[in-house]
Every structure is written in structure tokens, then in C-alpha cells.
N, C-alpha and C. Protein backbone atom coordinates (compact mmCIF):
# COMPACT_ATOMS: atom_id res chain seq x y z
N MET A 1 0.96 -1.22 0.02
CA MET A 1 -0.14 0.15 0.08
C MET A 1 0.80 1.18 0.04
N LYS A 2 1.97 1.18 0.80
CA LYS A 2 2.93 2.24 0.99
C LYS A 2 3.48 2.80 -0.43
N TYR A 3 3.76 1.64 -1.22
CA TYR A 3 4.22 1.82 -2.65
C TYR A 3 3.21 2.57 -3.36
N LEU A 4 2.05 2.05 -3.37
CA LEU A 4 0.80 2.54 -4.32
C LEU A 4 0.70 4.07 -3.97
N VAL A 5 0.81 4.47 -2.62
CA VAL A 5 0.63 5.79 -2.44
C VAL A 5 1.94 6.66 -3.19
N TYR A 6 3.17 6.24 -2.82
CA TYR A 6 4.37 6.92 -3.31
C TYR A 6 4.18 7.06 -5.14
N ILE A 7 3.63 5.95 -5.79
CA ILE A 7 3.29 5.89 -7.09
C ILE A 7 2.32 6.94 -7.59
N THR A 8 1.07 7.21 -6.48
CA THR A 8 0.17 8.08 -6.92
C THR A 8 0.46 9.67 -6.74
N ILE A 9 1.37 9.67 -5.68
CA ILE A 9 2.10 11.05 -5.52
C ILE A 9 2.94 11.57 -6.55
N ILE A 10 3.57 10.49 -7.17
CA ILE A 10 4.61 10.66 -8.22
C ILE A 10 3.75 11.40 -9.46
N LEU A 11 2.77 10.27 -9.55
CA LEU A 11 1.79 10.63 -11.11
C LEU A 11 1.07 11.94 -10.92
N LEU A 12 0.62 12.37 -9.64
CA LEU A 12 -0.08 13.59 -9.30
C LEU A 12 0.96 14.67 -9.67
N ASN A 13 2.03 14.64 -9.11
CA ASN A 13 3.11 15.64 -9.28
C ASN A 13 3.62 15.78 -11.01
N PHE A 14 3.53 14.75 -11.39
CA PHE A 14 3.88 14.74 -13.00
C PHE A 14 2.94 15.28 -13.74
N ASN A 15 1.54 14.97 -13.30
CA ASN A 15 0.48 15.50 -14.21
C ASN A 15 0.19 17.09 -13.93
N SER A 16 0.46 17.55 -12.48
CA SER A 16 0.33 18.76 -12.25
C SER A 16 1.39 19.71 -13.04
N CYS A 17 2.73 19.12 -13.28
CA CYS A 17 3.90 19.83 -13.85
C CYS A 17 3.26 19.91 -15.38
N LYS A 18 2.96 18.89 -16.03
CA LYS A 18 2.17 19.01 -17.40
C LYS A 18 1.32 20.01 -17.53
N ALA A 19 0.39 19.99 -16.55
CA ALA A 19 -0.89 20.79 -16.64
C ALA A 19 -0.45 22.40 -16.68
N GLN A 20 0.76 22.65 -15.71
CA GLN A 20 1.25 24.03 -15.21
C GLN A 20 2.11 24.47 -16.95
N LYS A 21 2.80 23.45 -17.43
CA LYS A 21 3.52 23.70 -18.39
C LYS A 21 2.65 24.22 -19.67
N LYS A 22 1.49 23.34 -19.65
CA LYS A 22 0.58 23.55 -21.06
C LYS A 22 -0.30 24.85 -20.75
N ALA A 23 -0.56 25.09 -19.47
CA ALA A 23 -1.14 26.38 -19.13
C ALA A 23 -0.28 27.37 -19.70
N LYS A 24 0.92 27.56 -19.17
CA LYS A 24 2.09 28.54 -19.48
C LYS A 24 2.12 28.61 -20.94
N MET A 25 2.13 27.59 -21.73
CA MET A 25 2.34 27.84 -23.30
C MET A 25 1.02 28.23 -23.88
N GLU A 26 -0.08 28.08 -23.27
CA GLU A 26 -1.27 28.74 -23.69
C GLU A 26 -1.42 30.27 -23.26
N GLN A 27 -0.75 30.69 -22.21
CA GLN A 27 -0.86 31.99 -21.92
C GLN A 27 0.11 32.70 -22.98
N GLU A 28 1.12 32.19 -23.22
CA GLU A 28 2.32 32.68 -24.02
C GLU A 28 1.93 32.95 -25.63
N ILE A 29 0.91 32.21 -25.90
CA ILE A 29 0.27 32.18 -27.33
C ILE A 29 -0.47 33.41 -27.39
N ILE A 30 0.00 34.41 -28.11
CA ILE A 30 -0.98 35.55 -28.16
C ILE A 30 -0.78 35.80 -29.77
N ILE A 31 -1.92 36.00 -30.31
CA ILE A 31 -2.07 36.06 -31.69
C ILE A 31 -2.50 37.75 -31.94
N PRO A 32 -1.75 38.46 -32.79
CA PRO A 32 -2.36 39.74 -33.13
C PRO A 32 -3.46 39.97 -33.72
N LYS A 33 -4.26 41.16 -33.47
CA LYS A 33 -5.60 41.01 -33.98
C LYS A 33 -5.37 41.67 -35.43
N ILE A 34 -6.05 41.19 -36.52
CA ILE A 34 -6.31 41.67 -37.79
C ILE A 34 -7.62 41.48 -38.25
N THR A 35 -8.18 42.63 -38.76
CA THR A 35 -9.46 42.37 -39.20
C THR A 35 -9.63 42.73 -40.67
N LYS A 36 -10.94 42.64 -41.36
CA LYS A 36 -10.92 42.60 -42.62
C LYS A 36 -11.41 44.05 -43.22
N GLU A 37 -11.01 44.96 -42.18
CA GLU A 37 -11.58 46.45 -42.49
C GLU A 37 -10.64 47.10 -43.34
N PHE A 38 -11.22 47.84 -44.30
CA PHE A 38 -10.25 48.80 -44.92
C PHE A 38 -9.54 49.78 -44.26
N GLU A 39 -8.36 49.97 -44.69
CA GLU A 39 -7.40 51.12 -43.88
C GLU A 39 -6.45 51.54 -44.77
N THR A 40 -6.12 52.76 -44.58
CA THR A 40 -4.80 53.45 -45.32
C THR A 40 -3.58 53.42 -44.68
N PHE A 41 -2.68 53.85 -45.44
CA PHE A 41 -1.32 54.16 -45.03
C PHE A 41 -1.20 55.86 -44.83
N ASP A 42 -0.50 56.33 -43.58
CA ASP A 42 -0.15 57.70 -43.69
C ASP A 42 1.10 57.84 -44.20
N ILE A 43 0.70 58.16 -45.55
CA ILE A 43 2.21 58.52 -46.41
C ILE A 43 2.77 59.83 -46.07
N LYS A 44 1.95 60.90 -45.68
CA LYS A 44 2.74 62.24 -45.41
C LYS A 44 3.66 62.09 -44.12
N SER A 45 2.99 61.34 -43.05
CA SER A 45 3.84 61.20 -41.83
C SER A 45 5.22 60.38 -42.01
N TYR A 46 4.88 59.46 -42.99
CA TYR A 46 5.90 58.35 -43.02
C TYR A 46 7.12 59.07 -43.94
N ASN A 47 6.62 60.13 -45.24
CA ASN A 47 7.60 60.67 -45.81
C ASN A 47 8.58 61.75 -44.94
N GLU A 48 7.84 62.33 -43.91
CA GLU A 48 8.44 63.25 -42.92
C GLU A 48 9.39 62.65 -42.11
N GLU A 49 9.43 61.26 -41.84
CA GLU A 49 10.14 60.95 -40.76
C GLU A 49 11.07 59.70 -41.33
N LYS A 50 10.87 58.99 -42.49
CA LYS A 50 11.60 58.20 -43.13
C LYS A 50 12.97 58.48 -43.35
N ILE A 51 14.00 57.51 -43.31
CA ILE A 51 15.38 57.64 -43.53
C ILE A 51 15.78 56.30 -44.47
N ASN A 52 16.38 56.75 -45.68
CA ASN A 52 16.78 55.92 -46.67
C ASN A 52 15.82 54.81 -46.78
N GLY A 53 14.25 55.16 -46.96
CA GLY A 53 13.22 54.46 -47.52
C GLY A 53 12.70 53.50 -46.57
N LYS A 54 13.06 53.73 -45.00
CA LYS A 54 12.45 53.08 -44.10
C LYS A 54 12.35 53.63 -42.74
N LEU A 55 11.66 53.35 -41.88
CA LEU A 55 11.34 53.98 -40.49
C LEU A 55 11.07 52.95 -39.46
N HIS A 56 11.76 53.06 -38.25
CA HIS A 56 11.57 52.03 -37.27
C HIS A 56 11.00 52.79 -36.01
N LYS A 57 9.90 52.47 -35.36
CA LYS A 57 9.52 53.00 -34.23
C LYS A 57 9.47 51.92 -33.20
N TYR A 58 9.92 52.30 -32.04
CA TYR A 58 9.43 51.16 -30.77
C TYR A 58 8.64 52.02 -29.56
N LYS A 59 7.44 51.39 -29.48
CA LYS A 59 6.54 51.96 -28.30
C LYS A 59 5.68 50.92 -27.69
N ASN A 60 5.33 50.81 -26.51
CA ASN A 60 4.47 49.87 -25.78
C ASN A 60 5.05 48.44 -26.08
N GLU A 61 6.60 48.15 -26.04
CA GLU A 61 7.06 47.00 -26.10
C GLU A 61 6.78 46.33 -27.68
N GLU A 62 6.66 47.33 -28.56
CA GLU A 62 6.27 46.76 -29.94
C GLU A 62 7.18 47.53 -30.85
N LEU A 63 8.07 46.99 -31.96
CA LEU A 63 8.63 47.39 -32.85
C LEU A 63 7.92 47.55 -34.18
N TYR A 64 7.71 48.73 -34.63
CA TYR A 64 7.02 49.15 -35.91
C TYR A 64 7.80 49.25 -36.93
N ILE A 65 7.89 48.61 -38.05
CA ILE A 65 9.02 48.90 -39.08
C ILE A 65 8.30 49.05 -40.34
N TYR A 66 8.37 50.51 -40.91
CA TYR A 66 7.75 51.02 -42.17
C TYR A 66 8.80 50.68 -43.25
N ILE A 67 8.42 50.64 -44.48
CA ILE A 67 9.17 50.72 -45.69
C ILE A 67 8.48 50.98 -46.88
N ASP A 68 9.00 51.50 -47.90
CA ASP A 68 8.50 51.59 -49.26
C ASP A 68 9.40 51.08 -50.10
N TYR A 69 8.60 50.35 -51.06
CA TYR A 69 9.13 49.65 -52.12
C TYR A 69 8.51 49.84 -53.45
N SER A 70 8.75 49.03 -54.56
CA SER A 70 8.37 49.33 -55.95
C SER A 70 6.94 49.39 -56.05
N LYS A 71 6.13 48.56 -55.34
CA LYS A 71 4.53 48.51 -55.80
C LYS A 71 3.94 49.47 -54.43
N GLY A 72 4.54 49.90 -53.27
CA GLY A 72 3.86 50.67 -52.29
C GLY A 72 4.47 50.86 -50.94
N TYR A 73 3.77 50.41 -50.01
CA TYR A 73 4.42 50.53 -48.78
C TYR A 73 4.23 49.29 -47.80
N SER A 74 4.94 49.28 -46.94
CA SER A 74 4.78 47.91 -45.93
C SER A 74 4.85 48.25 -44.49
N LYS A 75 4.11 47.65 -43.48
CA LYS A 75 4.10 48.17 -42.12
C LYS A 75 4.23 46.65 -41.45
N ALA A 76 5.15 46.55 -40.61
CA ALA A 76 5.17 45.14 -39.80
C ALA A 76 5.39 45.32 -38.25
N VAL A 77 4.49 44.89 -37.55
CA VAL A 77 4.82 45.03 -35.97
C VAL A 77 4.93 43.91 -35.41
N TYR A 78 6.24 43.74 -34.51
CA TYR A 78 6.58 42.65 -33.67
C TYR A 78 6.50 43.12 -32.14
N ALA A 79 5.84 42.45 -31.54
CA ALA A 79 5.83 42.63 -30.13
C ALA A 79 6.69 41.60 -29.25
N ASP A 80 7.48 42.35 -28.19
CA ASP A 80 8.40 41.41 -27.49
C ASP A 80 8.16 40.39 -26.84
N ASN A 81 6.79 40.29 -26.50
CA ASN A 81 6.14 39.01 -25.89
C ASN A 81 5.57 37.86 -26.90
N ASN A 82 5.98 38.00 -28.28
CA ASN A 82 5.07 37.36 -29.06
C ASN A 82 5.76 36.59 -30.10
N TYR A 83 5.33 35.45 -30.35
CA TYR A 83 5.93 34.38 -31.55
C TYR A 83 5.21 34.76 -32.94
N PHE A 84 4.41 35.89 -33.00
CA PHE A 84 3.62 36.23 -34.26
C PHE A 84 3.88 37.79 -34.45
N ASN A 85 3.78 37.95 -35.93
CA ASN A 85 3.73 39.45 -36.17
C ASN A 85 2.96 39.82 -37.31
N SER A 86 2.33 41.12 -37.22
CA SER A 86 1.35 41.41 -38.30
C SER A 86 1.94 42.27 -39.53
N THR A 87 1.64 41.93 -40.39
CA THR A 87 2.15 42.53 -41.81
C THR A 87 0.80 43.07 -42.73
N LYS A 88 1.27 44.22 -43.01
CA LYS A 88 0.15 44.84 -43.93
C LYS A 88 0.95 45.70 -44.92
N ASN A 89 0.70 45.43 -46.23
CA ASN A 89 1.09 46.07 -47.50
C ASN A 89 0.12 46.95 -48.04
N TYR A 90 0.52 48.33 -48.71
CA TYR A 90 -0.33 49.08 -49.26
C TYR A 90 0.13 49.38 -50.53
N PHE A 91 -0.80 49.79 -51.24
CA PHE A 91 -0.59 50.35 -52.61
C PHE A 91 0.07 51.62 -52.49
N ARG A 92 0.56 52.33 -53.59
CA ARG A 92 1.04 53.48 -53.85
C ARG A 92 0.32 54.46 -53.50
N ASN A 93 -1.18 54.46 -53.69
CA ASN A 93 -2.22 55.37 -53.27
C ASN A 93 -2.58 55.37 -51.73
N GLY A 94 -1.85 54.46 -50.79
CA GLY A 94 -2.22 54.43 -49.54
C GLY A 94 -3.06 53.46 -49.16
N ASN A 95 -3.81 52.94 -50.11
CA ASN A 95 -4.99 51.94 -49.68
C ASN A 95 -4.39 50.55 -49.44
N ILE A 96 -4.83 49.73 -48.57
CA ILE A 96 -4.57 48.66 -47.98
C ILE A 96 -4.47 47.71 -49.35
N GLU A 97 -3.44 46.73 -49.33
CA GLU A 97 -3.33 45.69 -50.54
C GLU A 97 -3.61 44.32 -49.84
N ILE A 98 -3.03 44.10 -48.85
CA ILE A 98 -2.69 42.77 -48.05
C ILE A 98 -2.46 42.80 -46.99
N LYS A 99 -3.15 42.10 -45.84
CA LYS A 99 -2.65 42.03 -44.35
C LYS A 99 -2.78 40.71 -43.74
N GLY A 100 -2.26 40.20 -42.94
CA GLY A 100 -2.27 39.03 -42.16
C GLY A 100 -1.37 38.84 -41.03
N ILE A 101 -1.20 37.76 -40.61
CA ILE A 101 -0.19 37.47 -39.48
C ILE A 101 0.84 36.41 -39.93
N SER A 102 2.20 36.44 -39.31
CA SER A 102 3.07 35.25 -39.64
C SER A 102 3.79 34.96 -38.47
N PHE A 103 4.05 33.74 -38.41
CA PHE A 103 5.08 33.38 -37.23
C PHE A 103 6.30 34.02 -37.54
N ASN A 104 7.16 34.75 -36.30
CA ASN A 104 8.37 35.74 -36.66
C ASN A 104 9.34 35.28 -37.27
N ASN A 105 9.81 33.86 -37.43
CA ASN A 105 10.65 33.03 -38.07
C ASN A 105 9.89 31.85 -38.90
N GLY A 106 8.97 32.33 -39.65
CA GLY A 106 8.46 31.36 -40.75
C GLY A 106 7.21 31.71 -41.32
N SER A 107 6.23 30.79 -41.45
CA SER A 107 5.06 30.80 -42.55
C SER A 107 3.85 31.72 -41.95
N GLU A 108 3.20 31.87 -42.93
CA GLU A 108 1.83 32.62 -42.29
C GLU A 108 0.92 32.11 -41.55
N TYR A 109 0.14 32.88 -40.75
CA TYR A 109 -0.97 32.13 -39.84
C TYR A 109 -2.24 33.01 -40.22
N GLY A 110 -3.29 31.65 -40.20
CA GLY A 110 -4.54 32.10 -40.13
C GLY A 110 -5.03 32.51 -41.60
N ILE A 111 -6.13 33.54 -41.54
CA ILE A 111 -6.55 34.25 -42.62
C ILE A 111 -5.84 35.55 -42.97
N TRP A 112 -5.52 35.77 -44.37
CA TRP A 112 -5.12 36.79 -44.94
C TRP A 112 -5.99 37.36 -45.79
N TYR A 113 -6.09 38.89 -45.88
CA TYR A 113 -7.00 39.62 -46.36
C TYR A 113 -6.37 40.11 -47.84
N GLU A 114 -7.15 40.25 -48.94
CA GLU A 114 -6.51 40.97 -49.88
C GLU A 114 -7.52 41.98 -50.63
N PHE A 115 -7.11 43.25 -50.90
CA PHE A 115 -7.78 44.31 -51.42
C PHE A 115 -7.40 44.62 -52.72
N ASN A 116 -8.25 45.15 -53.58
CA ASN A 116 -8.00 45.84 -54.79
C ASN A 116 -7.59 47.26 -54.71
N LYS A 117 -7.12 48.01 -55.62
CA LYS A 117 -6.53 49.48 -55.49
C LYS A 117 -7.64 50.38 -54.63
N GLU A 118 -8.80 50.06 -55.20
CA GLU A 118 -10.10 51.04 -54.64
C GLU A 118 -10.41 50.87 -53.00
N GLY A 119 -9.62 49.72 -52.67
CA GLY A 119 -9.98 49.40 -51.30
C GLY A 119 -11.07 48.39 -51.04
N LYS A 120 -11.36 47.81 -51.89
CA LYS A 120 -12.71 46.71 -51.99
C LYS A 120 -11.85 45.35 -51.49
N LEU A 121 -12.47 44.61 -50.45
CA LEU A 121 -11.76 43.41 -50.15
C LEU A 121 -12.20 42.32 -51.24
N ILE A 122 -11.31 41.66 -52.02
CA ILE A 122 -11.42 40.75 -53.10
C ILE A 122 -11.33 39.32 -52.63
N LYS A 123 -10.52 38.94 -51.60
CA LYS A 123 -10.10 37.70 -51.30
C LYS A 123 -9.78 37.41 -50.00
N GLU A 124 -10.24 36.34 -49.36
CA GLU A 124 -9.89 35.96 -47.96
C GLU A 124 -9.03 34.54 -48.07
N ILE A 125 -7.80 34.69 -47.78
CA ILE A 125 -6.89 33.51 -48.10
C ILE A 125 -6.67 32.64 -46.71
N ASN A 126 -7.22 31.45 -46.53
CA ASN A 126 -6.89 30.67 -45.33
C ASN A 126 -5.69 29.80 -45.43
N THR A 127 -4.49 30.43 -45.10
CA THR A 127 -3.05 29.92 -44.93
C THR A 127 -2.84 28.62 -44.27
N ASP A 128 -3.75 28.45 -43.47
CA ASP A 128 -3.82 27.15 -42.53
C ASP A 128 -4.70 26.03 -43.21
N GLU A 129 -5.34 26.29 -44.17
CA GLU A 129 -6.15 25.06 -44.80
C GLU A 129 -5.49 23.69 -45.32
N GLY A 130 -6.13 22.69 -44.65
CA GLY A 130 -5.59 21.28 -44.87
C GLY A 130 -4.46 20.80 -43.57
N TYR A 131 -4.26 21.84 -42.66
CA TYR A 131 -3.48 21.47 -41.73
C TYR A 131 -4.43 21.20 -40.36
N ASN A 132 -4.61 20.07 -40.17
CA ASN A 132 -5.48 19.53 -39.25
C ASN A 132 -4.70 19.80 -38.02
N PHE A 133 -3.11 19.34 -38.10
CA PHE A 133 -2.44 19.79 -36.87
C PHE A 133 -1.87 21.28 -36.98
N GLY A 134 -2.54 22.04 -36.27
CA GLY A 134 -2.31 23.37 -36.61
C GLY A 134 -1.30 24.08 -35.87
N TRP A 135 -1.30 25.45 -36.02
CA TRP A 135 -0.23 26.15 -34.98
C TRP A 135 0.05 25.81 -33.67
N LYS A 136 -1.28 25.62 -33.02
CA LYS A 136 -1.25 25.49 -31.69
C LYS A 136 -0.64 24.21 -31.44
N ASP A 137 -0.96 23.27 -32.24
CA ASP A 137 -0.30 21.92 -32.03
C ASP A 137 1.14 21.87 -32.21
N ILE A 138 1.52 22.55 -33.18
CA ILE A 138 3.07 23.00 -33.52
C ILE A 138 3.65 23.55 -32.16
N LEU A 139 3.25 24.40 -31.69
CA LEU A 139 3.98 25.10 -30.54
C LEU A 139 3.93 24.18 -29.39
N GLU A 140 2.96 23.63 -29.36
CA GLU A 140 2.84 22.44 -28.02
C GLU A 140 4.12 21.30 -28.59
N TYR A 141 4.07 21.10 -29.63
CA TYR A 141 4.91 20.01 -29.71
C TYR A 141 6.49 20.52 -29.43
N CYS A 142 6.71 21.87 -29.87
CA CYS A 142 8.05 22.32 -29.70
C CYS A 142 8.17 22.50 -28.12
N TYR A 143 7.13 22.84 -27.42
CA TYR A 143 7.31 22.94 -25.92
C TYR A 143 7.68 21.83 -25.23
N LYS A 144 7.05 20.44 -25.88
CA LYS A 144 7.05 19.18 -25.40
C LYS A 144 8.56 18.74 -25.54
N ASN A 145 9.10 19.08 -26.61
CA ASN A 145 10.31 18.56 -27.22
C ASN A 145 11.63 19.48 -27.05
N ASP A 146 11.35 20.57 -26.14
CA ASP A 146 12.50 21.46 -25.78
C ASP A 146 13.09 22.13 -26.99
N ILE A 147 12.06 22.48 -28.07
CA ILE A 147 12.54 23.52 -29.08
C ILE A 147 12.42 24.85 -28.84
N LYS A 148 13.41 25.47 -28.65
CA LYS A 148 13.59 27.12 -28.22
C LYS A 148 12.88 27.89 -29.26
N LEU A 149 11.93 28.58 -28.80
CA LEU A 149 11.09 29.70 -29.88
C LEU A 149 11.56 30.92 -29.32
N ASP A 150 11.55 31.85 -30.25
CA ASP A 150 11.97 33.10 -30.13
C ASP A 150 10.90 33.96 -30.14
N LYS A 151 10.77 34.99 -29.28
CA LYS A 151 9.55 35.96 -29.36
C LYS A 151 10.47 37.50 -30.08
N GLY A 152 9.41 38.25 -30.52
CA GLY A 152 9.77 39.47 -30.99
C GLY A 152 10.54 39.59 -32.28
N TYR A 153 11.19 40.66 -32.52
CA TYR A 153 11.77 40.92 -33.60
C TYR A 153 12.70 39.98 -33.93
N PRO A 154 12.90 39.07 -35.14
CA PRO A 154 14.12 38.10 -35.36
C PRO A 154 15.53 38.71 -35.25
N LYS A 155 16.41 38.26 -34.52
CA LYS A 155 17.69 38.87 -34.39
C LYS A 155 18.63 38.37 -35.44
N GLN A 156 19.47 39.23 -35.84
CA GLN A 156 20.43 39.10 -36.91
C GLN A 156 21.48 37.96 -36.39
N GLY A 157 21.81 36.94 -37.25
CA GLY A 157 23.09 36.16 -36.87
C GLY A 157 22.48 34.95 -35.91
N GLY A 158 23.34 34.02 -35.42
CA GLY A 158 22.81 33.11 -34.59
C GLY A 158 21.94 31.88 -35.22
N ILE A 159 21.61 31.21 -34.45
CA ILE A 159 20.75 30.00 -34.78
C ILE A 159 19.35 30.08 -34.43
N LYS A 160 18.39 30.12 -35.35
CA LYS A 160 17.09 30.28 -34.80
C LYS A 160 16.22 29.07 -35.31
N THR A 161 15.00 28.86 -34.32
CA THR A 161 14.08 28.16 -34.80
C THR A 161 13.26 28.59 -35.86
N GLU A 162 13.03 27.90 -37.26
CA GLU A 162 12.34 28.31 -38.01
C GLU A 162 11.00 27.39 -38.22
N ILE A 163 9.97 27.68 -38.57
CA ILE A 163 8.85 26.86 -38.72
C ILE A 163 8.14 27.34 -39.98
N TYR A 164 8.31 26.36 -41.14
CA TYR A 164 7.43 26.64 -42.46
C TYR A 164 6.53 25.52 -42.68
N LYS A 165 5.53 25.97 -43.50
CA LYS A 165 4.60 24.88 -44.18
C LYS A 165 5.15 24.68 -45.49
N ASN A 166 4.97 23.50 -45.80
CA ASN A 166 5.28 23.05 -47.16
C ASN A 166 4.66 21.85 -47.83
N GLU A 167 4.89 21.66 -48.94
CA GLU A 167 4.23 20.40 -49.76
C GLU A 167 5.24 19.14 -50.11
N GLU A 168 5.12 18.10 -49.85
CA GLU A 168 6.15 16.97 -50.04
C GLU A 168 5.29 15.78 -50.51
N ASN A 169 5.39 15.47 -51.88
CA ASN A 169 4.66 14.38 -52.45
C ASN A 169 3.07 14.53 -52.07
N ASP A 170 2.44 15.87 -52.72
CA ASP A 170 1.08 16.10 -52.52
C ASP A 170 0.58 16.07 -51.11
N LYS A 171 1.56 16.09 -50.35
CA LYS A 171 1.18 16.07 -48.80
C LYS A 171 1.59 17.41 -47.94
N LYS A 172 0.63 17.91 -47.39
CA LYS A 172 0.85 19.18 -46.46
C LYS A 172 1.73 18.78 -45.22
N VAL A 173 2.91 19.26 -44.92
CA VAL A 173 3.71 19.04 -44.06
C VAL A 173 4.42 20.32 -43.24
N TRP A 174 4.77 20.19 -42.02
CA TRP A 174 5.66 21.22 -41.25
C TRP A 174 7.09 20.94 -41.42
N LEU A 175 7.78 22.06 -41.66
CA LEU A 175 9.39 22.02 -41.88
C LEU A 175 9.74 22.70 -40.34
N ILE A 176 10.47 22.22 -39.72
CA ILE A 176 11.33 22.62 -38.35
C ILE A 176 12.83 22.65 -38.40
N THR A 177 13.46 23.46 -38.40
CA THR A 177 14.77 23.68 -38.33
C THR A 177 15.13 24.23 -36.88
N TYR A 178 15.86 23.42 -36.21
CA TYR A 178 16.28 24.23 -34.74
C TYR A 178 17.43 23.56 -34.35
N TYR A 179 18.10 24.22 -33.14
CA TYR A 179 19.31 23.34 -32.35
C TYR A 179 18.97 22.77 -31.10
N ASN A 180 19.34 21.44 -31.35
CA ASN A 180 18.94 20.40 -30.28
C ASN A 180 20.33 20.53 -29.29
N TYR A 181 19.97 21.32 -28.30
CA TYR A 181 21.15 21.42 -27.08
C TYR A 181 21.48 20.17 -26.57
N LYS A 182 20.60 19.22 -26.32
CA LYS A 182 21.03 17.78 -25.78
C LYS A 182 21.91 16.96 -26.72
N LYS A 183 21.48 16.81 -27.89
CA LYS A 183 22.34 16.19 -28.87
C LYS A 183 23.36 16.99 -29.68
N LYS A 184 23.41 18.24 -29.46
CA LYS A 184 24.30 19.43 -29.82
C LYS A 184 24.47 19.12 -31.41
N GLN A 185 23.14 19.25 -31.92
CA GLN A 185 22.94 19.10 -33.39
C GLN A 185 22.15 20.25 -34.01
N TYR A 186 22.29 20.77 -35.11
CA TYR A 186 21.15 21.33 -35.74
C TYR A 186 20.55 20.41 -36.68
N LEU A 187 19.11 20.66 -36.35
CA LEU A 187 18.29 19.57 -37.00
C LEU A 187 17.16 20.01 -37.76
N SER A 188 16.84 19.22 -38.64
CA SER A 188 15.61 19.61 -39.58
C SER A 188 14.52 18.28 -39.54
N ILE A 189 13.29 18.90 -39.20
CA ILE A 189 12.38 17.74 -38.71
C ILE A 189 11.18 18.11 -39.74
N THR A 190 10.55 16.88 -40.29
CA THR A 190 9.37 16.99 -40.94
C THR A 190 8.10 16.58 -40.57
N LEU A 191 7.05 17.30 -40.29
CA LEU A 191 5.80 16.51 -39.34
C LEU A 191 4.64 16.61 -40.45
N ASP A 192 3.72 15.66 -40.28
CA ASP A 192 2.67 15.38 -41.22
C ASP A 192 1.67 16.38 -40.80
N GLY A 193 1.33 17.33 -41.86
CA GLY A 193 0.31 18.48 -41.41
C GLY A 193 -1.01 18.16 -41.11
N LYS A 194 -1.54 17.04 -41.33
CA LYS A 194 -2.71 16.39 -40.69
C LYS A 194 -2.52 15.85 -39.41
N THR A 195 -1.68 15.10 -39.17
CA THR A 195 -1.59 14.27 -38.00
C THR A 195 -0.21 14.50 -36.95
N GLY A 196 0.51 15.23 -37.38
CA GLY A 196 1.73 15.73 -36.57
C GLY A 196 2.62 14.78 -36.31
N LEU A 197 2.62 13.77 -37.07
CA LEU A 197 3.33 12.43 -37.05
C LEU A 197 4.85 12.81 -37.66
N LEU A 198 5.99 12.55 -36.85
CA LEU A 198 7.00 12.63 -37.37
C LEU A 198 7.54 12.03 -38.45
N LEU A 199 7.57 12.53 -39.96
CA LEU A 199 8.04 11.78 -41.02
C LEU A 199 9.59 11.75 -41.18
N LYS A 200 10.49 12.73 -40.71
CA LYS A 200 11.77 12.25 -41.14
C LYS A 200 12.43 13.49 -40.11
N GLU A 201 13.70 13.00 -40.15
CA GLU A 201 14.70 14.03 -39.49
C GLU A 201 15.90 14.04 -39.73
N LYS A 202 16.68 15.06 -39.93
CA LYS A 202 18.12 14.85 -40.50
C LYS A 202 18.90 16.06 -39.82
N GLU A 203 20.48 15.81 -39.53
CA GLU A 203 21.10 16.86 -39.09
C GLU A 203 21.47 17.72 -40.35
N ILE A 204 21.68 19.01 -40.04
CA ILE A 204 22.06 20.06 -41.04
C ILE A 204 23.46 20.46 -40.66
N ALA A 205 24.23 20.61 -41.54
CA ALA A 205 25.69 21.19 -41.06
C ALA A 205 25.54 22.68 -40.71
N LEU A 206 26.17 23.19 -39.71
CA LEU A 206 26.09 24.45 -39.16
C LEU A 206 26.36 25.45 -40.30
N ASP A 207 27.69 25.18 -41.04
CA ASP A 207 28.00 26.18 -41.66
C ASP A 207 27.32 26.33 -43.15
N ALA A 208 26.13 25.26 -43.25
CA ALA A 208 25.32 25.48 -44.37
C ALA A 208 24.12 26.29 -44.13
N ASN A 209 23.90 27.02 -42.91
CA ASN A 209 23.00 27.71 -42.63
C ASN A 209 23.22 29.31 -42.76
């Protein structure tokens, strides 16, 4: 009976730790808000403040990056406590062209909204379509397997965990590249986009990244 009590206590502690870890993970998954509403870019303010075709602003623990390019303007927002960022591209007339959310080091998340030059919503693109094993599952997989995730604006240099969607043999898959500190290896793994099943794993030479 004494051993049964010990085993029960160990199991309770283990389950409690798992529950706490999952709760912490869910608290850390913050998705930026994006709506399908029409909006415009403040061209005048941007032109007054830009330096060499770009502008960086930091406020309320968020980095705002503004740039202009051949088609128009772009605005990206990276929060210090977030794995995801929002991106909005605008036409030269300042009207919104496309907007949505992406993983900081990886693929798009959820619905992206596309507009014409007159500001009419013309398309809603579900970037997660076909991925039954979705972003929340992917992040939980990373937590369980001690795969380090970075918040905020991606730092230059160093080894970063990258998560991308892809298709292999007409099958939707996830590609994760990361550094495994226990094995001391830089790895690439492929997960089934529907089930999350590990399909393959290979080591990547560090000098090849």
C-alpha cells in the first residue's frame, strides 16, 4: 500500500507539472488582431520621418517597421512577448493591399485579406487550410520537445528556430529547423500536416545555414 501511495503522489506531481507547462504555453500564445476592414497608410507622416526608405519605431514593447518599395508601402509590427507578427502592405495610393499574421521566423498564420486598389476586399486566403495539426499543435510540440522559440523581432545572426509549411509528395507538412542542445546538433524535422506524425529527421551542417 505504501508503494501505491508513492506512485500516486509521483503521478499527481507529474500531471500537475504537465498541466502547468501547458497552461503557461497557452498564456504565451498571443495572436495579433487583424480585421478585414479597409485602412490606409499615412504617407505624409512616413515621408516626413523616413530615413533611406524605411522607418523604425519602438513603443509599448512593440517594434513598428515601415518601408517603401516598388509597389507601395509595408508595415510590420513585432511585439516583444509574441511569437507572431502582423504585416500590412499598401498600394502607392495608400490603400491597403493585403494584411495578415505570420510566425516571426516562418510561415503565415490564419486568414490573410487581399484588397484591390480601390479598397474593396477581393479575397480571404486561409493559409492554414489542410493543416489539421495546426499552429497551436506545433507550438505545443515544440514545448514538449524542448525546441526553443524566439519572441519579438528576429535577431540577426545565430541559430534560430524556423517553422514553415510546405508540400512534399502532394502532402501538406511542417518543416522545423532548430538546434537540439541535448544532442548538440542542428536538425531539420518534417511533421505530417494532418496528424503531426514525425516523417523524417536529419542533421544540418551548421556552416550550411
